[in-house]
Amino acid sequence: MYRLLLVDDEINISKALRRVLHNTAIAPQLSELTVMMHDAPQQALCWAAEHKVDVVISDYRMPVMDGVTFLTRIKELQPDAALILLSANADIEGVARAINDVGICRFLSKPWIDAQLKAAVADALKTQALLLENRRLADEVRLQQGVISKQEIELKRLEATSPGITRVRWSEDGGVLLET
């Protein structure tokens, strides 16, 4: 099951994107895709801090936080997530910053072409799967060479599937602090 996060201050844009992504009449088919939508970047960041995300599509121009800033913060929370920037304005400087500083995998302009949108998501998922497999294989080699332990590999796996699970806050007396 793949999780896709849509962030646009105009919720109708996110709903249209979700309809396109689930439309089986448009190739390629994106099976096992769960789409989460947020119209506020701050809410999306809170959600992404606790849930694994495979692909994030963000609008570039949003009132509180621009898309590049949002994607930068998402990258900190979800380093393996594929990032796609969507914008009606072709701000070349902003797009260049998103590519160079954040590492977005694709820029799409509004209005988008449905098949191109779905192809971009499919490509992002394939690329992400290859990167994760490469990392797994590299960790396997590191384990064989004694550079990394099984515990470290398991911690990486847990953090990838449940972000934040390995971060523990301690009280002054040594107790574990739980957030409510």
N, C-alpha and C. Protein backbone atom coordinates (compact mmCIF):
# COMPACT_ATOMS: atom_id res chain seq x y z
N MET A 1 0.84 -1.18 0.00
CA MET A 1 0.00 0.00 0.00
C MET A 1 0.88 1.24 0.00
N TYR A 2 0.66 2.12 -0.95
CA TYR A 2 1.42 3.36 -1.04
C TYR A 2 0.58 4.51 -0.48
N ARG A 3 1.26 5.45 0.17
CA ARG A 3 0.58 6.63 0.70
C ARG A 3 1.05 7.86 -0.05
N LEU A 4 0.10 8.61 -0.53
CA LEU A 4 0.38 9.84 -1.24
C LEU A 4 -0.24 10.99 -0.46
N LEU A 5 0.50 12.04 -0.28
CA LEU A 5 0.05 13.21 0.46
C LEU A 5 -0.11 14.38 -0.50
N LEU A 6 -1.31 14.94 -0.56
CA LEU A 6 -1.60 16.11 -1.40
C LEU A 6 -1.75 17.33 -0.50
N VAL A 7 -1.03 18.41 -0.83
CA VAL A 7 -1.12 19.62 -0.03
C VAL A 7 -1.34 20.80 -0.97
N ASP A 8 -2.51 21.40 -0.84
CA ASP A 8 -2.87 22.58 -1.64
C ASP A 8 -3.86 23.38 -0.82
N ASP A 9 -3.65 24.69 -0.75
CA ASP A 9 -4.56 25.52 0.03
C ASP A 9 -5.96 25.56 -0.56
N GLU A 10 -6.12 25.16 -1.79
CA GLU A 10 -7.44 25.05 -2.41
C GLU A 10 -7.84 23.57 -2.40
N ILE A 11 -8.73 23.21 -1.49
CA ILE A 11 -9.09 21.80 -1.30
C ILE A 11 -9.69 21.19 -2.56
N ASN A 12 -10.34 22.00 -3.39
CA ASN A 12 -10.91 21.47 -4.64
C ASN A 12 -9.83 20.98 -5.60
N ILE A 13 -8.66 21.61 -5.56
CA ILE A 13 -7.54 21.15 -6.39
C ILE A 13 -7.11 19.76 -5.91
N SER A 14 -6.98 19.60 -4.60
CA SER A 14 -6.60 18.29 -4.06
C SER A 14 -7.64 17.23 -4.41
N LYS A 15 -8.90 17.59 -4.33
CA LYS A 15 -9.96 16.62 -4.68
C LYS A 15 -9.87 16.23 -6.15
N ALA A 16 -9.58 17.19 -7.02
CA ALA A 16 -9.44 16.90 -8.45
C ALA A 16 -8.23 15.99 -8.69
N LEU A 17 -7.13 16.28 -8.00
CA LEU A 17 -5.94 15.43 -8.12
C LEU A 17 -6.25 14.00 -7.67
N ARG A 18 -6.95 13.88 -6.55
CA ARG A 18 -7.30 12.55 -6.04
C ARG A 18 -8.17 11.79 -7.04
N ARG A 19 -9.15 12.49 -7.64
CA ARG A 19 -10.01 11.83 -8.64
C ARG A 19 -9.18 11.30 -9.81
N VAL A 20 -8.25 12.11 -10.29
CA VAL A 20 -7.40 11.70 -11.41
C VAL A 20 -6.57 10.48 -11.01
N LEU A 21 -5.97 10.51 -9.84
CA LEU A 21 -5.10 9.43 -9.41
C LEU A 21 -5.84 8.10 -9.24
N HIS A 22 -7.12 8.18 -8.87
CA HIS A 22 -7.92 6.96 -8.69
C HIS A 22 -8.70 6.57 -9.95
N ASN A 23 -8.64 7.39 -10.99
CA ASN A 23 -9.39 7.12 -12.22
C ASN A 23 -8.74 5.97 -12.99
N THR A 24 -9.44 4.84 -13.08
CA THR A 24 -8.89 3.66 -13.75
C THR A 24 -8.93 3.78 -15.27
N ALA A 25 -9.63 4.76 -15.80
CA ALA A 25 -9.68 4.94 -17.25
C ALA A 25 -8.42 5.64 -17.78
N ILE A 26 -7.63 6.20 -16.88
CA ILE A 26 -6.41 6.92 -17.27
C ILE A 26 -5.20 6.06 -16.91
N ALA A 27 -4.36 5.81 -17.90
CA ALA A 27 -3.14 5.03 -17.65
C ALA A 27 -2.04 5.96 -17.14
N PRO A 28 -1.12 5.48 -16.37
CA PRO A 28 -0.97 4.12 -15.86
C PRO A 28 -1.86 3.89 -14.64
N GLN A 29 -2.10 2.63 -14.32
CA GLN A 29 -2.91 2.28 -13.16
C GLN A 29 -2.06 2.40 -11.90
N LEU A 30 -2.61 3.01 -10.89
CA LEU A 30 -1.92 3.16 -9.61
C LEU A 30 -2.68 2.36 -8.57
N SER A 31 -2.37 1.08 -8.49
CA SER A 31 -3.07 0.23 -7.54
C SER A 31 -2.50 0.42 -6.15
N GLU A 32 -3.30 0.09 -5.17
CA GLU A 32 -2.89 0.16 -3.77
C GLU A 32 -2.39 1.55 -3.38
N LEU A 33 -3.14 2.56 -3.73
CA LEU A 33 -2.76 3.94 -3.45
C LEU A 33 -3.76 4.57 -2.48
N THR A 34 -3.27 5.02 -1.35
CA THR A 34 -4.09 5.76 -0.40
C THR A 34 -3.70 7.22 -0.52
N VAL A 35 -4.68 8.09 -0.69
CA VAL A 35 -4.42 9.52 -0.86
C VAL A 35 -4.92 10.28 0.36
N MET A 36 -4.02 11.04 0.97
CA MET A 36 -4.35 11.90 2.10
C MET A 36 -4.27 13.34 1.62
N MET A 37 -5.24 14.16 2.00
CA MET A 37 -5.26 15.56 1.55
C MET A 37 -5.23 16.51 2.75
N HIS A 38 -4.50 17.61 2.57
CA HIS A 38 -4.48 18.68 3.57
C HIS A 38 -4.49 20.01 2.82
N ASP A 39 -5.21 20.97 3.37
CA ASP A 39 -5.22 22.30 2.76
C ASP A 39 -4.34 23.28 3.54
N ALA A 40 -3.70 22.81 4.59
CA ALA A 40 -2.77 23.63 5.37
C ALA A 40 -1.46 22.87 5.54
N PRO A 41 -0.35 23.47 5.14
CA PRO A 41 0.94 22.79 5.24
C PRO A 41 1.29 22.36 6.67
N GLN A 42 0.92 23.16 7.67
CA GLN A 42 1.24 22.82 9.05
C GLN A 42 0.54 21.52 9.46
N GLN A 43 -0.72 21.36 9.07
CA GLN A 43 -1.45 20.13 9.37
C GLN A 43 -0.77 18.94 8.69
N ALA A 44 -0.38 19.14 7.46
CA ALA A 44 0.27 18.06 6.70
C ALA A 44 1.59 17.66 7.36
N LEU A 45 2.34 18.63 7.87
CA LEU A 45 3.59 18.32 8.55
C LEU A 45 3.34 17.51 9.82
N CYS A 46 2.33 17.89 10.58
CA CYS A 46 1.98 17.13 11.79
C CYS A 46 1.59 15.70 11.44
N TRP A 47 0.81 15.56 10.39
CA TRP A 47 0.39 14.22 9.96
C TRP A 47 1.60 13.41 9.49
N ALA A 48 2.47 14.03 8.70
CA ALA A 48 3.64 13.33 8.14
C ALA A 48 4.66 12.96 9.22
N ALA A 49 4.62 13.65 10.35
CA ALA A 49 5.54 13.31 11.44
C ALA A 49 5.21 11.96 12.05
N GLU A 50 3.98 11.48 11.83
CA GLU A 50 3.55 10.24 12.45
C GLU A 50 3.18 9.14 11.47
N HIS A 51 3.14 9.45 10.18
CA HIS A 51 2.73 8.47 9.17
C HIS A 51 3.75 8.40 8.04
N LYS A 52 3.97 7.21 7.56
CA LYS A 52 4.86 7.02 6.41
C LYS A 52 4.20 7.61 5.16
N VAL A 53 5.00 8.30 4.37
CA VAL A 53 4.53 8.89 3.12
C VAL A 53 5.47 8.46 2.01
N ASP A 54 4.91 8.02 0.90
CA ASP A 54 5.72 7.60 -0.23
C ASP A 54 5.93 8.72 -1.24
N VAL A 55 4.87 9.48 -1.52
CA VAL A 55 4.94 10.58 -2.48
C VAL A 55 4.18 11.78 -1.90
N VAL A 56 4.76 12.96 -2.08
CA VAL A 56 4.11 14.20 -1.66
C VAL A 56 3.98 15.09 -2.88
N ILE A 57 2.75 15.57 -3.13
CA ILE A 57 2.51 16.56 -4.17
C ILE A 57 2.07 17.83 -3.46
N SER A 58 2.82 18.90 -3.67
CA SER A 58 2.53 20.16 -2.99
C SER A 58 2.38 21.28 -4.00
N ASP A 59 1.44 22.16 -3.70
CA ASP A 59 1.30 23.40 -4.47
C ASP A 59 2.49 24.29 -4.12
N TYR A 60 2.88 25.12 -5.06
CA TYR A 60 4.00 26.03 -4.83
C TYR A 60 3.57 27.26 -4.04
N ARG A 61 2.47 27.88 -4.46
CA ARG A 61 2.02 29.12 -3.82
C ARG A 61 0.89 28.83 -2.84
N MET A 62 1.23 28.92 -1.55
CA MET A 62 0.24 28.78 -0.49
C MET A 62 0.43 29.96 0.46
N PRO A 63 -0.64 30.41 1.10
CA PRO A 63 -0.56 31.64 1.88
C PRO A 63 0.39 31.61 3.09
N VAL A 64 0.42 30.55 3.84
CA VAL A 64 1.20 30.55 5.08
C VAL A 64 2.64 30.09 4.86
N MET A 65 2.81 29.12 3.98
CA MET A 65 4.12 28.53 3.74
C MET A 65 4.19 28.14 2.27
N ASP A 66 5.25 28.55 1.58
CA ASP A 66 5.34 28.18 0.17
C ASP A 66 5.71 26.70 0.03
N GLY A 67 5.49 26.16 -1.15
CA GLY A 67 5.71 24.75 -1.39
C GLY A 67 7.13 24.29 -1.19
N VAL A 68 8.10 25.13 -1.52
CA VAL A 68 9.50 24.74 -1.36
C VAL A 68 9.85 24.61 0.13
N THR A 69 9.40 25.55 0.94
CA THR A 69 9.62 25.49 2.38
C THR A 69 8.93 24.25 2.96
N PHE A 70 7.69 24.01 2.54
CA PHE A 70 6.96 22.84 3.00
C PHE A 70 7.69 21.55 2.63
N LEU A 71 8.11 21.44 1.38
CA LEU A 71 8.80 20.22 0.94
C LEU A 71 10.15 20.04 1.64
N THR A 72 10.81 21.15 1.97
CA THR A 72 12.06 21.07 2.73
C THR A 72 11.80 20.43 4.09
N ARG A 73 10.72 20.85 4.73
CA ARG A 73 10.39 20.29 6.05
C ARG A 73 9.92 18.84 5.94
N ILE A 74 9.19 18.54 4.89
CA ILE A 74 8.76 17.15 4.67
C ILE A 74 9.99 16.26 4.48
N LYS A 75 10.96 16.74 3.74
CA LYS A 75 12.18 15.97 3.48
C LYS A 75 12.91 15.64 4.79
N GLU A 76 12.85 16.55 5.76
CA GLU A 76 13.45 16.29 7.07
C GLU A 76 12.69 15.18 7.80
N LEU A 77 11.37 15.19 7.68
CA LEU A 77 10.54 14.18 8.35
C LEU A 77 10.51 12.86 7.60
N GLN A 78 10.49 12.94 6.28
CA GLN A 78 10.32 11.77 5.42
C GLN A 78 11.42 11.79 4.34
N PRO A 79 12.64 11.46 4.70
CA PRO A 79 13.75 11.57 3.74
C PRO A 79 13.60 10.67 2.51
N ASP A 80 12.79 9.63 2.60
CA ASP A 80 12.63 8.72 1.47
C ASP A 80 11.45 9.06 0.58
N ALA A 81 10.65 10.03 0.96
CA ALA A 81 9.47 10.38 0.18
C ALA A 81 9.88 11.06 -1.13
N ALA A 82 9.19 10.70 -2.20
CA ALA A 82 9.38 11.37 -3.49
C ALA A 82 8.56 12.66 -3.46
N LEU A 83 9.13 13.74 -3.95
CA LEU A 83 8.50 15.06 -3.86
C LEU A 83 8.18 15.60 -5.24
N ILE A 84 6.94 16.07 -5.40
CA ILE A 84 6.48 16.65 -6.65
C ILE A 84 5.91 18.03 -6.34
N LEU A 85 6.33 19.02 -7.11
CA LEU A 85 5.86 20.40 -6.93
C LEU A 85 4.89 20.73 -8.04
N LEU A 86 3.78 21.35 -7.68
CA LEU A 86 2.72 21.70 -8.62
C LEU A 86 2.47 23.20 -8.52
N SER A 87 2.40 23.88 -9.68
CA SER A 87 2.20 25.33 -9.62
C SER A 87 1.57 25.87 -10.88
N ALA A 88 0.75 26.88 -10.70
CA ALA A 88 0.18 27.59 -11.84
C ALA A 88 1.13 28.67 -12.35
N ASN A 89 2.08 29.04 -11.52
CA ASN A 89 3.04 30.08 -11.87
C ASN A 89 4.40 29.44 -12.11
N ALA A 90 5.00 29.76 -13.21
CA ALA A 90 6.31 29.21 -13.54
C ALA A 90 7.40 30.13 -13.00
N ASP A 91 7.57 30.15 -11.69
CA ASP A 91 8.61 30.92 -11.04
C ASP A 91 9.90 30.12 -11.16
N ILE A 92 10.71 30.43 -12.16
CA ILE A 92 11.90 29.65 -12.46
C ILE A 92 12.86 29.59 -11.27
N GLU A 93 13.02 30.69 -10.58
CA GLU A 93 13.92 30.71 -9.42
C GLU A 93 13.42 29.76 -8.32
N GLY A 94 12.11 29.79 -8.07
CA GLY A 94 11.53 28.91 -7.05
C GLY A 94 11.62 27.45 -7.44
N VAL A 95 11.39 27.15 -8.71
CA VAL A 95 11.48 25.77 -9.19
C VAL A 95 12.93 25.29 -9.11
N ALA A 96 13.86 26.14 -9.50
CA ALA A 96 15.28 25.77 -9.42
C ALA A 96 15.68 25.50 -7.98
N ARG A 97 15.19 26.31 -7.06
CA ARG A 97 15.48 26.10 -5.63
C ARG A 97 14.90 24.77 -5.16
N ALA A 98 13.69 24.45 -5.64
CA ALA A 98 13.06 23.18 -5.26
C ALA A 98 13.85 21.99 -5.78
N ILE A 99 14.36 22.12 -6.98
CA ILE A 99 15.13 21.02 -7.57
C ILE A 99 16.49 20.90 -6.89
N ASN A 100 17.20 22.01 -6.78
CA ASN A 100 18.57 21.99 -6.28
C ASN A 100 18.67 21.81 -4.77
N ASP A 101 17.82 22.47 -4.02
CA ASP A 101 17.93 22.45 -2.56
C ASP A 101 17.11 21.33 -1.92
N VAL A 102 15.94 21.06 -2.48
CA VAL A 102 15.04 20.09 -1.86
C VAL A 102 15.12 18.73 -2.53
N GLY A 103 15.42 18.71 -3.81
CA GLY A 103 15.51 17.45 -4.52
C GLY A 103 14.16 16.92 -5.00
N ILE A 104 13.30 17.83 -5.46
CA ILE A 104 12.03 17.33 -6.00
C ILE A 104 12.32 16.47 -7.22
N CYS A 105 11.46 15.50 -7.44
CA CYS A 105 11.68 14.61 -8.58
C CYS A 105 10.93 15.09 -9.82
N ARG A 106 9.94 15.96 -9.62
CA ARG A 106 9.17 16.42 -10.78
C ARG A 106 8.50 17.74 -10.46
N PHE A 107 8.40 18.58 -11.49
CA PHE A 107 7.61 19.82 -11.42
C PHE A 107 6.49 19.68 -12.44
N LEU A 108 5.26 19.93 -12.01
CA LEU A 108 4.10 19.89 -12.90
C LEU A 108 3.40 21.23 -12.84
N SER A 109 2.94 21.68 -13.99
CA SER A 109 2.26 22.97 -14.02
C SER A 109 0.75 22.76 -14.00
N LYS A 110 0.06 23.74 -13.44
CA LYS A 110 -1.41 23.77 -13.47
C LYS A 110 -1.82 24.55 -14.70
N PRO A 111 -2.78 24.15 -15.44
CA PRO A 111 -3.50 22.88 -15.30
C PRO A 111 -2.62 21.73 -15.76
N TRP A 112 -2.73 20.61 -15.10
CA TRP A 112 -1.92 19.45 -15.42
C TRP A 112 -2.61 18.59 -16.47
N ILE A 113 -1.84 17.73 -17.07
CA ILE A 113 -2.38 16.74 -18.00
C ILE A 113 -2.51 15.45 -17.19
N ASP A 114 -3.71 14.91 -17.14
CA ASP A 114 -4.00 13.78 -16.26
C ASP A 114 -3.02 12.63 -16.42
N ALA A 115 -2.76 12.22 -17.64
CA ALA A 115 -1.86 11.08 -17.88
C ALA A 115 -0.44 11.41 -17.41
N GLN A 116 -0.01 12.66 -17.59
CA GLN A 116 1.33 13.05 -17.13
C GLN A 116 1.42 13.05 -15.61
N LEU A 117 0.35 13.48 -14.95
CA LEU A 117 0.31 13.46 -13.49
C LEU A 117 0.45 12.03 -12.98
N LYS A 118 -0.36 11.13 -13.53
CA LYS A 118 -0.30 9.74 -13.09
C LYS A 118 1.05 9.10 -13.42
N ALA A 119 1.60 9.43 -14.57
CA ALA A 119 2.91 8.89 -14.95
C ALA A 119 3.99 9.41 -14.00
N ALA A 120 3.90 10.67 -13.59
CA ALA A 120 4.88 11.25 -12.66
C ALA A 120 4.82 10.52 -11.32
N VAL A 121 3.62 10.23 -10.83
CA VAL A 121 3.48 9.51 -9.56
C VAL A 121 4.00 8.09 -9.71
N ALA A 122 3.65 7.42 -10.81
CA ALA A 122 4.13 6.05 -11.04
C ALA A 122 5.65 6.02 -11.11
N ASP A 123 6.26 6.96 -11.82
CA ASP A 123 7.72 7.04 -11.91
C ASP A 123 8.35 7.30 -10.53
N ALA A 124 7.72 8.18 -9.77
CA ALA A 124 8.24 8.49 -8.43
C ALA A 124 8.21 7.25 -7.54
N LEU A 125 7.13 6.47 -7.63
CA LEU A 125 7.03 5.25 -6.83
C LEU A 125 8.08 4.22 -7.25
N LYS A 126 8.31 4.10 -8.55
CA LYS A 126 9.32 3.16 -9.04
C LYS A 126 10.71 3.58 -8.59
N THR A 127 11.02 4.86 -8.72
CA THR A 127 12.32 5.37 -8.32
C THR A 127 12.53 5.18 -6.82
N GLN A 128 11.50 5.47 -6.04
CA GLN A 128 11.59 5.31 -4.60
C GLN A 128 11.84 3.84 -4.24
N ALA A 129 11.15 2.92 -4.91
CA ALA A 129 11.34 1.50 -4.63
C ALA A 129 12.78 1.08 -4.94
N LEU A 130 13.34 1.58 -6.03
CA LEU A 130 14.73 1.26 -6.37
C LEU A 130 15.71 1.82 -5.33
N LEU A 131 15.49 3.03 -4.90
CA LEU A 131 16.37 3.64 -3.89
C LEU A 131 16.32 2.86 -2.58
N LEU A 132 15.11 2.46 -2.17
CA LEU A 132 14.98 1.71 -0.93
C LEU A 132 15.63 0.34 -1.04
N GLU A 133 15.49 -0.31 -2.20
CA GLU A 133 16.12 -1.60 -2.41
C GLU A 133 17.64 -1.46 -2.41
N ASN A 134 18.16 -0.41 -3.04
CA ASN A 134 19.61 -0.15 -3.02
C ASN A 134 20.11 0.06 -1.59
N ARG A 135 19.35 0.79 -0.81
CA ARG A 135 19.74 1.03 0.58
C ARG A 135 19.73 -0.27 1.38
N ARG A 136 18.71 -1.10 1.13
CA ARG A 136 18.62 -2.37 1.83
C ARG A 136 19.83 -3.25 1.49
N LEU A 137 20.16 -3.30 0.22
CA LEU A 137 21.31 -4.11 -0.20
C LEU A 137 22.62 -3.56 0.36
N ALA A 138 22.76 -2.25 0.38
CA ALA A 138 23.97 -1.64 0.94
C ALA A 138 24.08 -1.94 2.44
N ASP A 139 22.93 -1.90 3.15
CA ASP A 139 22.94 -2.24 4.57
C ASP A 139 23.31 -3.70 4.78
N GLU A 140 22.86 -4.56 3.89
CA GLU A 140 23.20 -5.98 3.97
C GLU A 140 24.71 -6.17 3.84
N VAL A 141 25.32 -5.46 2.90
CA VAL A 141 26.77 -5.52 2.73
C VAL A 141 27.47 -4.97 3.97
N ARG A 142 26.99 -3.83 4.49
CA ARG A 142 27.59 -3.25 5.70
C ARG A 142 27.49 -4.21 6.88
N LEU A 143 26.36 -4.92 6.98
CA LEU A 143 26.19 -5.91 8.04
C LEU A 143 27.22 -7.03 7.90
N GLN A 144 27.41 -7.52 6.69
CA GLN A 144 28.38 -8.58 6.45
C GLN A 144 29.81 -8.13 6.75
N GLN A 145 30.07 -6.85 6.52
CA GLN A 145 31.41 -6.31 6.77
C GLN A 145 31.59 -5.89 8.23
N GLY A 146 30.53 -5.94 9.01
CA GLY A 146 30.61 -5.57 10.42
C GLY A 146 30.57 -4.08 10.66
N VAL A 147 30.18 -3.30 9.66
CA VAL A 147 30.13 -1.84 9.78
C VAL A 147 28.85 -1.39 10.48
N ILE A 148 27.80 -2.19 10.37
CA ILE A 148 26.50 -1.85 10.93
C ILE A 148 25.96 -3.10 11.64
N SER A 149 25.15 -2.88 12.67
CA SER A 149 24.60 -4.01 13.41
C SER A 149 23.17 -4.30 12.96
N LYS A 150 22.69 -5.49 13.33
CA LYS A 150 21.29 -5.84 13.03
C LYS A 150 20.34 -4.88 13.72
N GLN A 151 20.70 -4.43 14.91
CA GLN A 151 19.87 -3.50 15.65
C GLN A 151 19.74 -2.17 14.90
N GLU A 152 20.84 -1.67 14.35
CA GLU A 152 20.78 -0.42 13.59
C GLU A 152 19.91 -0.57 12.35
N ILE A 153 20.00 -1.71 11.69
CA ILE A 153 19.17 -1.95 10.51
C ILE A 153 17.70 -1.99 10.91
N GLU A 154 17.40 -2.64 12.02
CA GLU A 154 16.01 -2.73 12.48
C GLU A 154 15.48 -1.35 12.88
N LEU A 155 16.32 -0.54 13.53
CA LEU A 155 15.90 0.82 13.88
C LEU A 155 15.58 1.64 12.63
N LYS A 156 16.41 1.50 11.60
CA LYS A 156 16.15 2.20 10.32
C LYS A 156 14.81 1.75 9.73
N ARG A 157 14.57 0.44 9.77
CA ARG A 157 13.33 -0.11 9.21
C ARG A 157 12.11 0.41 9.98
N LEU A 158 12.20 0.39 11.31
CA LEU A 158 11.09 0.88 12.12
C LEU A 158 10.82 2.35 11.87
N GLU A 159 11.88 3.14 11.79
CA GLU A 159 11.70 4.58 11.55
C GLU A 159 11.11 4.83 10.17
N ALA A 160 11.47 4.02 9.18
CA ALA A 160 10.93 4.19 7.83
C ALA A 160 9.45 3.84 7.77
N THR A 161 9.03 2.82 8.51
CA THR A 161 7.63 2.41 8.45
C THR A 161 6.74 3.20 9.40
N SER A 162 7.31 3.66 10.52
CA SER A 162 6.55 4.43 11.52
C SER A 162 7.40 5.61 11.97
N PRO A 163 7.37 6.71 11.21
CA PRO A 163 8.22 7.86 11.54
C PRO A 163 8.04 8.32 12.98
N GLY A 164 9.17 8.59 13.62
CA GLY A 164 9.16 9.10 14.98
C GLY A 164 9.19 8.03 16.06
N ILE A 165 9.03 6.77 15.68
CA ILE A 165 8.93 5.70 16.66
C ILE A 165 10.23 5.49 17.44
N THR A 166 11.35 5.82 16.83
CA THR A 166 12.63 5.61 17.51
C THR A 166 13.09 6.83 18.30
N ARG A 167 12.35 7.91 18.21
CA ARG A 167 12.70 9.11 18.97
C ARG A 167 12.06 9.04 20.35
N VAL A 168 12.87 8.99 21.35
CA VAL A 168 12.37 8.88 22.72
C VAL A 168 12.77 10.12 23.49
N ARG A 169 11.79 10.70 24.19
CA ARG A 169 12.07 11.84 25.06
C ARG A 169 12.13 11.34 26.49
N TRP A 170 13.19 11.73 27.21
CA TRP A 170 13.40 11.27 28.58
C TRP A 170 13.17 12.41 29.56
N SER A 171 12.61 12.08 30.73
CA SER A 171 12.47 13.07 31.80
C SER A 171 13.79 13.15 32.56
N GLU A 172 13.91 14.13 33.45
CA GLU A 172 15.14 14.30 34.22
C GLU A 172 15.42 13.10 35.13
N ASP A 173 14.36 12.41 35.57
CA ASP A 173 14.55 11.27 36.46
C ASP A 173 14.70 9.94 35.70
N GLY A 174 14.80 10.01 34.36
CA GLY A 174 15.03 8.80 33.57
C GLY A 174 13.78 8.15 33.03
N GLY A 175 12.62 8.75 33.28
CA GLY A 175 11.37 8.20 32.77
C GLY A 175 11.18 8.57 31.31
N VAL A 176 10.35 7.82 30.63
CA VAL A 176 10.02 8.08 29.24
C VAL A 176 8.83 9.02 29.18
N LEU A 177 8.97 10.10 28.40
CA LEU A 177 7.88 11.07 28.26
C LEU A 177 7.05 10.70 27.05
N LEU A 178 5.75 10.60 27.24
CA LEU A 178 4.83 10.30 26.15
C LEU A 178 4.08 11.55 25.77
N GLU A 179 3.91 11.75 24.47
CA GLU A 179 3.14 12.90 24.00
C GLU A 179 1.70 12.49 23.84
N THR A 180 0.80 13.39 24.19
CA THR A 180 -0.63 13.07 24.07
C THR A 180 -1.26 13.87 22.99
